[in-house]
Amino acid sequence: VWVPRRRMFEYRHWPDLEGKQGSTLIDNSFGERFD
């Protein structure tokens, strides 16, 4: 998870990303469990 240095947030595991807006390449995969 890449974040701007001036807007870092606490991240320990996947649920910490809920409620936030992310972005990546179209049709990118990061493993079955995370997908």
All heavy atoms as atom14 arrays in JSON, in Angstrom:
{
  "sequence": "VWVPRRRMFEYRHWPDLEGKQGSTLIDNSFGERFD",
  "atom14_mask": [
    [1, 1, 1, 1, 1, 1, 1, 0, 0, 0, 0, 0, 0, 0],
    [1, 1, 1, 1, 1, 1, 1, 1, 1, 1, 1, 1, 1, 1],
    [1, 1, 1, 1, 1, 1, 1, 0, 0, 0, 0, 0, 0, 0],
    [1, 1, 1, 1, 1, 1, 1, 0, 0, 0, 0, 0, 0, 0],
    [1, 1, 1, 1, 1, 1, 1, 1, 1, 1, 1, 0, 0, 0],
    [1, 1, 1, 1, 1, 1, 1, 1, 1, 1, 1, 0, 0, 0],
    [1, 1, 1, 1, 1, 1, 1, 1, 1, 1, 1, 0, 0, 0],
    [1, 1, 1, 1, 1, 1, 1, 1, 0, 0, 0, 0, 0, 0],
    [1, 1, 1, 1, 1, 1, 1, 1, 1, 1, 1, 0, 0, 0],
    [1, 1, 1, 1, 1, 1, 1, 1, 1, 0, 0, 0, 0, 0],
    [1, 1, 1, 1, 1, 1, 1, 1, 1, 1, 1, 1, 0, 0],
    [1, 1, 1, 1, 1, 1, 1, 1, 1, 1, 1, 0, 0, 0],
    [1, 1, 1, 1, 1, 1, 1, 1, 1, 1, 0, 0, 0, 0],
    [1, 1, 1, 1, 1, 1, 1, 1, 1, 1, 1, 1, 1, 1],
    [1, 1, 1, 1, 1, 1, 1, 0, 0, 0, 0, 0, 0, 0],
    [1, 1, 1, 1, 1, 1, 1, 1, 0, 0, 0, 0, 0, 0],
    [1, 1, 1, 1, 1, 1, 1, 1, 0, 0, 0, 0, 0, 0],
    [1, 1, 1, 1, 1, 1, 1, 1, 1, 0, 0, 0, 0, 0],
    [1, 1, 1, 1, 0, 0, 0, 0, 0, 0, 0, 0, 0, 0],
    [1, 1, 1, 1, 1, 1, 1, 1, 1, 0, 0, 0, 0, 0],
    [1, 1, 1, 1, 1, 1, 1, 1, 1, 0, 0, 0, 0, 0],
    [1, 1, 1, 1, 0, 0, 0, 0, 0, 0, 0, 0, 0, 0],
    [1, 1, 1, 1, 1, 1, 0, 0, 0, 0, 0, 0, 0, 0],
    [1, 1, 1, 1, 1, 1, 1, 0, 0, 0, 0, 0, 0, 0],
    [1, 1, 1, 1, 1, 1, 1, 1, 0, 0, 0, 0, 0, 0],
    [1, 1, 1, 1, 1, 1, 1, 1, 0, 0, 0, 0, 0, 0],
    [1, 1, 1, 1, 1, 1, 1, 1, 0, 0, 0, 0, 0, 0],
    [1, 1, 1, 1, 1, 1, 1, 1, 0, 0, 0, 0, 0, 0],
    [1, 1, 1, 1, 1, 1, 0, 0, 0, 0, 0, 0, 0, 0],
    [1, 1, 1, 1, 1, 1, 1, 1, 1, 1, 1, 0, 0, 0],
    [1, 1, 1, 1, 0, 0, 0, 0, 0, 0, 0, 0, 0, 0],
    [1, 1, 1, 1, 1, 1, 1, 1, 1, 0, 0, 0, 0, 0],
    [1, 1, 1, 1, 1, 1, 1, 1, 1, 1, 1, 0, 0, 0],
    [1, 1, 1, 1, 1, 1, 1, 1, 1, 1, 1, 0, 0, 0],
    [1, 1, 1, 1, 1, 1, 1, 1, 0, 0, 0, 0, 0, 0]
  ],
  "atom14_positions": [
    [[0.87, -1.17, 0.0], [0.0, 0.0, 0.0], [0.91, 1.23, 0.0], [1.66, 1.46, 0.95], [-0.91, 0.02, 1.24], [-1.73, 1.31, 1.29], [-1.83, -1.2, 1.26], [0.0, 0.0, 0.0], [0.0, 0.0, 0.0], [0.0, 0.0, 0.0], [0.0, 0.0, 0.0], [0.0, 0.0, 0.0], [0.0, 0.0, 0.0], [0.0, 0.0, 0.0]],
    [[0.85, 2.0, -1.1], [1.65, 3.21, -1.22], [0.78, 4.42, -0.85], [-0.33, 4.55, -1.36], [2.16, 3.38, -2.64], [3.18, 2.37, -3.07], [2.94, 1.15, -3.63], [4.6, 2.5, -2.99], [4.13, 0.51, -3.91], [5.16, 1.31, -3.52], [5.45, 3.5, -2.52], [6.53, 1.11, -3.6], [6.82, 3.29, -2.59], [7.35, 2.11, -3.12]],
    [[1.3, 5.28, 0.01], [0.54, 6.47, 0.42], [1.45, 7.7, 0.36], [2.67, 7.59, 0.54], [-0.01, 6.32, 1.85], [-1.0, 5.17, 1.92], [1.12, 6.11, 2.86], [0.0, 0.0, 0.0], [0.0, 0.0, 0.0], [0.0, 0.0, 0.0], [0.0, 0.0, 0.0], [0.0, 0.0, 0.0], [0.0, 0.0, 0.0], [0.0, 0.0, 0.0]],
    [[0.86, 8.89, 0.12], [1.65, 10.11, 0.21], [2.22, 10.27, 1.62], [1.52, 10.04, 2.61], [0.63, 11.22, -0.1], [-0.44, 10.53, -0.87], [-0.52, 9.15, -0.3], [0.0, 0.0, 0.0], [0.0, 0.0, 0.0], [0.0, 0.0, 0.0], [0.0, 0.0, 0.0], [0.0, 0.0, 0.0], [0.0, 0.0, 0.0], [0.0, 0.0, 0.0]],
    [[3.47, 10.65, 1.71], [4.13, 10.76, 3.01], [3.38, 11.71, 3.94], [3.31, 11.49, 5.15], [5.58, 11.25, 2.81], [6.43, 11.22, 4.06], [7.85, 11.66, 3.75], [8.51, 10.75, 2.82], [9.15, 9.66, 3.18], [9.22, 9.31, 4.46], [9.74, 8.89, 2.28], [0.0, 0.0, 0.0], [0.0, 0.0, 0.0], [0.0, 0.0, 0.0]],
    [[2.8, 12.76, 3.37], [2.13, 13.76, 4.22], [0.71, 13.33, 4.62], [0.07, 14.02, 5.42], [2.07, 15.11, 3.5], [1.29, 15.11, 2.2], [1.36, 16.46, 1.5], [0.62, 16.49, 0.25], [1.1, 16.06, -0.91], [2.32, 15.54, -0.98], [0.36, 16.14, -2.01], [0.0, 0.0, 0.0], [0.0, 0.0, 0.0], [0.0, 0.0, 0.0]],
    [[0.23, 12.18, 4.07], [-1.11, 11.72, 4.44], [-1.08, 10.23, 4.79], [-1.94, 9.46, 4.39], [-2.1, 11.97, 3.29], [-2.47, 13.44, 3.11], [-3.73, 13.59, 2.26], [-3.56, 12.97, 0.95], [-2.98, 13.58, -0.08], [-2.53, 14.81, 0.05], [-2.86, 12.98, -1.24], [0.0, 0.0, 0.0], [0.0, 0.0, 0.0], [0.0, 0.0, 0.0]],
    [[-0.08, 9.84, 5.57], [0.02, 8.45, 5.99], [-1.11, 8.1, 6.96], [-1.61, 8.96, 7.67], [1.38, 8.21, 6.67], [2.56, 8.33, 5.72], [4.16, 8.15, 6.58], [4.02, 6.48, 7.23], [0.0, 0.0, 0.0], [0.0, 0.0, 0.0], [0.0, 0.0, 0.0], [0.0, 0.0, 0.0], [0.0, 0.0, 0.0], [0.0, 0.0, 0.0]],
    [[-1.51, 6.83, 6.94], [-2.51, 6.37, 7.89], [-2.05, 5.02, 8.46], [-1.15, 4.37, 7.92], [-3.89, 6.25, 7.24], [-3.94, 5.39, 6.01], [-4.02, 4.0, 6.09], [-3.93, 5.97, 4.74], [-4.07, 3.2, 4.96], [-3.99, 5.18, 3.59], [-4.06, 3.79, 3.7], [0.0, 0.0, 0.0], [0.0, 0.0, 0.0], [0.0, 0.0, 0.0]],
    [[-2.66, 4.61, 9.56], [-2.27, 3.37, 10.2], [-2.75, 2.18, 9.37], [-3.92, 2.1, 8.99], [-2.88, 3.28, 11.61], [-2.41, 2.06, 12.38], [-2.93, 2.02, 13.8], [-3.75, 2.89, 14.15], [-2.51, 1.12, 14.55], [0.0, 0.0, 0.0], [0.0, 0.0, 0.0], [0.0, 0.0, 0.0], [0.0, 0.0, 0.0], [0.0, 0.0, 0.0]],
    [[-1.83, 1.29, 9.1], [-2.17, 0.1, 8.33], [-1.47, -1.11, 8.95], [-0.25, -1.11, 9.13], [-1.72, 0.24, 6.87], [-1.79, -1.06, 6.11], [-3.01, -1.56, 5.67], [-0.64, -1.82, 5.87], [-3.08, -2.78, 5.01], [-0.71, -3.03, 5.21], [-1.93, -3.51, 4.79], [-2.01, -4.72, 4.14], [0.0, 0.0, 0.0], [0.0, 0.0, 0.0]],
    [[-2.27, -2.1, 9.31], [-1.72, -3.34, 9.86], [-2.14, -4.56, 9.04], [-1.39, -5.52, 8.94], [-2.19, -3.52, 11.32], [-1.64, -2.47, 12.29], [-2.46, -2.46, 13.56], [-3.85, -2.08, 13.27], [-4.81, -2.01, 14.19], [-4.55, -2.33, 15.44], [-6.03, -1.65, 13.84], [0.0, 0.0, 0.0], [0.0, 0.0, 0.0], [0.0, 0.0, 0.0]],
    [[-3.36, -4.5, 8.49], [-3.86, -5.61, 7.69], [-4.97, -5.08, 6.78], [-5.4, -3.93, 6.88], [-4.36, -6.74, 8.59], [-4.47, -8.05, 7.87], [-3.55, -8.47, 6.93], [-5.38, -9.06, 7.95], [-3.89, -9.66, 6.47], [-5.0, -10.05, 7.06], [0.0, 0.0, 0.0], [0.0, 0.0, 0.0], [0.0, 0.0, 0.0], [0.0, 0.0, 0.0]],
    [[-5.45, -5.93, 5.9], [-6.38, -5.53, 4.86], [-7.6, -4.74, 5.36], [-7.98, -3.76, 4.71], [-6.87, -6.76, 4.1], [-5.78, -7.6, 3.51], [-4.48, -7.22, 3.25], [-5.88, -8.96, 3.1], [-3.78, -8.27, 2.72], [-4.6, -9.36, 2.6], [-6.92, -9.89, 3.1], [-4.35, -10.63, 2.11], [-6.68, -11.17, 2.61], [-5.41, -11.54, 2.12]],
    [[-8.22, -5.11, 6.47], [-9.42, -4.36, 6.91], [-9.16, -2.88, 7.17], [-10.1, -2.07, 7.13], [-9.85, -5.08, 8.2], [-9.36, -6.48, 8.0], [-8.04, -6.33, 7.3], [0.0, 0.0, 0.0], [0.0, 0.0, 0.0], [0.0, 0.0, 0.0], [0.0, 0.0, 0.0], [0.0, 0.0, 0.0], [0.0, 0.0, 0.0], [0.0, 0.0, 0.0]],
    [[-7.9, -2.5, 7.4], [-7.6, -1.08, 7.61], [-7.8, -0.25, 6.34], [-7.81, 0.99, 6.4], [-6.15, -0.92, 8.1], [-5.94, -1.51, 9.48], [-6.88, -1.44, 10.3], [-4.85, -2.04, 9.73], [0.0, 0.0, 0.0], [0.0, 0.0, 0.0], [0.0, 0.0, 0.0], [0.0, 0.0, 0.0], [0.0, 0.0, 0.0], [0.0, 0.0, 0.0]],
    [[-7.98, -0.91, 5.2], [-8.2, -0.2, 3.94], [-9.68, 0.04, 3.67], [-10.03, 0.78, 2.74], [-7.6, -1.0, 2.78], [-6.09, -1.28, 2.85], [-5.66, -2.16, 1.67], [-5.29, 0.02, 2.86], [0.0, 0.0, 0.0], [0.0, 0.0, 0.0], [0.0, 0.0, 0.0], [0.0, 0.0, 0.0], [0.0, 0.0, 0.0], [0.0, 0.0, 0.0]],
    [[-10.55, -0.57, 4.45], [-11.98, -0.38, 4.25], [-12.37, 1.07, 4.5], [-11.87, 1.72, 5.41], [-12.78, -1.3, 5.18], [-12.61, -2.78, 4.84], [-13.54, -3.67, 5.66], [-14.76, -3.41, 5.65], [-13.04, -4.61, 6.32], [0.0, 0.0, 0.0], [0.0, 0.0, 0.0], [0.0, 0.0, 0.0], [0.0, 0.0, 0.0], [0.0, 0.0, 0.0]],
    [[-13.26, 1.57, 3.63], [-13.71, 2.96, 3.75], [-12.77, 3.95, 3.08], [-13.06, 5.16, 3.07], [0.0, 0.0, 0.0], [0.0, 0.0, 0.0], [0.0, 0.0, 0.0], [0.0, 0.0, 0.0], [0.0, 0.0, 0.0], [0.0, 0.0, 0.0], [0.0, 0.0, 0.0], [0.0, 0.0, 0.0], [0.0, 0.0, 0.0], [0.0, 0.0, 0.0]],
    [[-11.68, 3.48, 2.51], [-10.72, 4.34, 1.82], [-10.77, 4.05, 0.32], [-11.15, 2.96, -0.1], [-9.31, 4.14, 2.36], [-9.17, 4.44, 3.85], [-7.74, 4.29, 4.31], [-7.61, 4.48, 5.82], [-8.07, 5.82, 6.24], [0.0, 0.0, 0.0], [0.0, 0.0, 0.0], [0.0, 0.0, 0.0], [0.0, 0.0, 0.0], [0.0, 0.0, 0.0]],
    [[-10.36, 5.02, -0.47], [-10.34, 4.88, -1.93], [-8.94, 4.54, -2.39], [-7.98, 5.27, -2.13], [-10.8, 6.17, -2.59], [-10.69, 6.19, -4.11], [-11.74, 5.33, -4.8], [-12.92, 5.63, -4.72], [-11.31, 4.27, -5.48], [0.0, 0.0, 0.0], [0.0, 0.0, 0.0], [0.0, 0.0, 0.0], [0.0, 0.0, 0.0], [0.0, 0.0, 0.0]],
    [[-8.8, 3.41, -3.08], [-7.51, 3.01, -3.62], [-7.51, 3.01, -5.14], [-8.54, 3.24, -5.78], [0.0, 0.0, 0.0], [0.0, 0.0, 0.0], [0.0, 0.0, 0.0], [0.0, 0.0, 0.0], [0.0, 0.0, 0.0], [0.0, 0.0, 0.0], [0.0, 0.0, 0.0], [0.0, 0.0, 0.0], [0.0, 0.0, 0.0], [0.0, 0.0, 0.0]],
    [[-6.34, 2.72, -5.72], [-6.23, 2.65, -7.18], [-5.08, 1.72, -7.55], [-4.09, 1.61, -6.83], [-6.0, 4.04, -7.77], [-5.89, 3.97, -9.19], [0.0, 0.0, 0.0], [0.0, 0.0, 0.0], [0.0, 0.0, 0.0], [0.0, 0.0, 0.0], [0.0, 0.0, 0.0], [0.0, 0.0, 0.0], [0.0, 0.0, 0.0], [0.0, 0.0, 0.0]],
    [[-5.24, 1.05, -8.69], [-4.18, 0.22, -9.25], [-4.48, 0.03, -10.74], [-5.45, 0.58, -11.27], [-4.08, -1.13, -8.53], [-2.87, -1.79, -8.92], [-5.27, -2.03, -8.83], [0.0, 0.0, 0.0], [0.0, 0.0, 0.0], [0.0, 0.0, 0.0], [0.0, 0.0, 0.0], [0.0, 0.0, 0.0], [0.0, 0.0, 0.0], [0.0, 0.0, 0.0]],
    [[-3.66, -0.76, -11.41], [-3.87, -1.01, -12.84], [-5.11, -1.86, -13.08], [-5.45, -2.73, -12.27], [-2.65, -1.72, -13.43], [-1.35, -0.92, -13.49], [-0.22, -1.82, -13.96], [-1.48, 0.28, -14.41], [0.0, 0.0, 0.0], [0.0, 0.0, 0.0], [0.0, 0.0, 0.0], [0.0, 0.0, 0.0], [0.0, 0.0, 0.0], [0.0, 0.0, 0.0]],
    [[-5.78, -1.61, -14.19], [-6.94, -2.41, -14.57], [-6.55, -3.88, -14.67], [-5.51, -4.24, -15.24], [-7.5, -1.93, -15.93], [-8.0, -0.5, -15.83], [-8.63, -2.84, -16.41], [-8.38, 0.1, -17.18], [0.0, 0.0, 0.0], [0.0, 0.0, 0.0], [0.0, 0.0, 0.0], [0.0, 0.0, 0.0], [0.0, 0.0, 0.0], [0.0, 0.0, 0.0]],
    [[-7.38, -4.75, -14.1], [-7.2, -6.2, -14.14], [-5.93, -6.68, -13.44], [-5.44, -7.79, -13.71], [-7.21, -6.73, -15.59], [-8.61, -6.76, -16.18], [-9.56, -6.48, -15.45], [-8.72, -7.07, -17.38], [0.0, 0.0, 0.0], [0.0, 0.0, 0.0], [0.0, 0.0, 0.0], [0.0, 0.0, 0.0], [0.0, 0.0, 0.0], [0.0, 0.0, 0.0]],
    [[-5.38, -5.86, -12.54], [-4.24, -6.33, -11.76], [-4.7, -7.32, -10.71], [-5.81, -7.21, -10.18], [-3.54, -5.15, -11.07], [-2.06, -5.11, -11.37], [-1.54, -5.89, -12.16], [-1.34, -4.19, -10.75], [0.0, 0.0, 0.0], [0.0, 0.0, 0.0], [0.0, 0.0, 0.0], [0.0, 0.0, 0.0], [0.0, 0.0, 0.0], [0.0, 0.0, 0.0]],
    [[-3.86, -8.29, -10.41], [-4.16, -9.29, -9.39], [-3.05, -9.31, -8.36], [-1.87, -9.13, -8.7], [-4.3, -10.68, -10.02], [-4.36, -11.67, -9.03], [0.0, 0.0, 0.0], [0.0, 0.0, 0.0], [0.0, 0.0, 0.0], [0.0, 0.0, 0.0], [0.0, 0.0, 0.0], [0.0, 0.0, 0.0], [0.0, 0.0, 0.0], [0.0, 0.0, 0.0]],
    [[-3.41, -9.54, -7.1], [-2.41, -9.58, -6.04], [-2.56, -10.84, -5.19], [-2.29, -10.84, -4.0], [-2.53, -8.32, -5.17], [-2.39, -7.05, -5.95], [-3.47, -6.19, -6.11], [-1.2, -6.73, -6.58], [-3.35, -5.03, -6.84], [-1.07, -5.57, -7.32], [-2.15, -4.71, -7.46], [0.0, 0.0, 0.0], [0.0, 0.0, 0.0], [0.0, 0.0, 0.0]],
    [[-3.01, -11.91, -5.81], [-3.2, -13.16, -5.11], [-4.68, -13.41, -4.85], [-5.46, -12.49, -4.63], [0.0, 0.0, 0.0], [0.0, 0.0, 0.0], [0.0, 0.0, 0.0], [0.0, 0.0, 0.0], [0.0, 0.0, 0.0], [0.0, 0.0, 0.0], [0.0, 0.0, 0.0], [0.0, 0.0, 0.0], [0.0, 0.0, 0.0], [0.0, 0.0, 0.0]],
    [[-5.08, -14.67, -4.89], [-6.5, -15.04, -4.78], [-7.14, -14.53, -3.5], [-8.26, -14.02, -3.51], [-6.63, -16.57, -4.84], [-6.39, -17.16, -6.21], [-7.5, -16.82, -7.21], [-8.66, -16.67, -6.79], [-7.2, -16.71, -8.4], [0.0, 0.0, 0.0], [0.0, 0.0, 0.0], [0.0, 0.0, 0.0], [0.0, 0.0, 0.0], [0.0, 0.0, 0.0]],
    [[-6.45, -14.66, -2.37], [-7.06, -14.28, -1.1], [-7.3, -12.77, -1.04], [-8.38, -12.32, -0.66], [-6.17, -14.72, 0.08], [-6.13, -16.22, 0.29], [-5.24, -16.62, 1.46], [-5.71, -16.02, 2.71], [-4.99, -15.17, 3.45], [-3.78, -14.8, 3.06], [-5.48, -14.7, 4.57], [0.0, 0.0, 0.0], [0.0, 0.0, 0.0], [0.0, 0.0, 0.0]],
    [[-6.29, -11.99, -1.42], [-6.48, -10.54, -1.37], [-7.5, -10.09, -2.41], [-8.34, -9.22, -2.13], [-5.17, -9.79, -1.58], [-5.35, -8.29, -1.52], [-5.43, -7.63, -0.3], [-5.48, -7.54, -2.68], [-5.63, -6.26, -0.25], [-5.67, -6.17, -2.63], [-5.75, -5.53, -1.41], [0.0, 0.0, 0.0], [0.0, 0.0, 0.0], [0.0, 0.0, 0.0]],
    [[-7.45, -10.66, -3.61], [-8.4, -10.28, -4.66], [-9.83, -10.52, -4.19], [-10.73, -9.71, -4.44], [-8.14, -11.07, -5.93], [-6.86, -10.66, -6.65], [-6.27, -9.63, -6.26], [-6.44, -11.37, -7.58], [0.0, 0.0, 0.0], [0.0, 0.0, 0.0], [0.0, 0.0, 0.0], [0.0, 0.0, 0.0], [0.0, 0.0, 0.0], [0.0, 0.0, 0.0]]
  ]
}
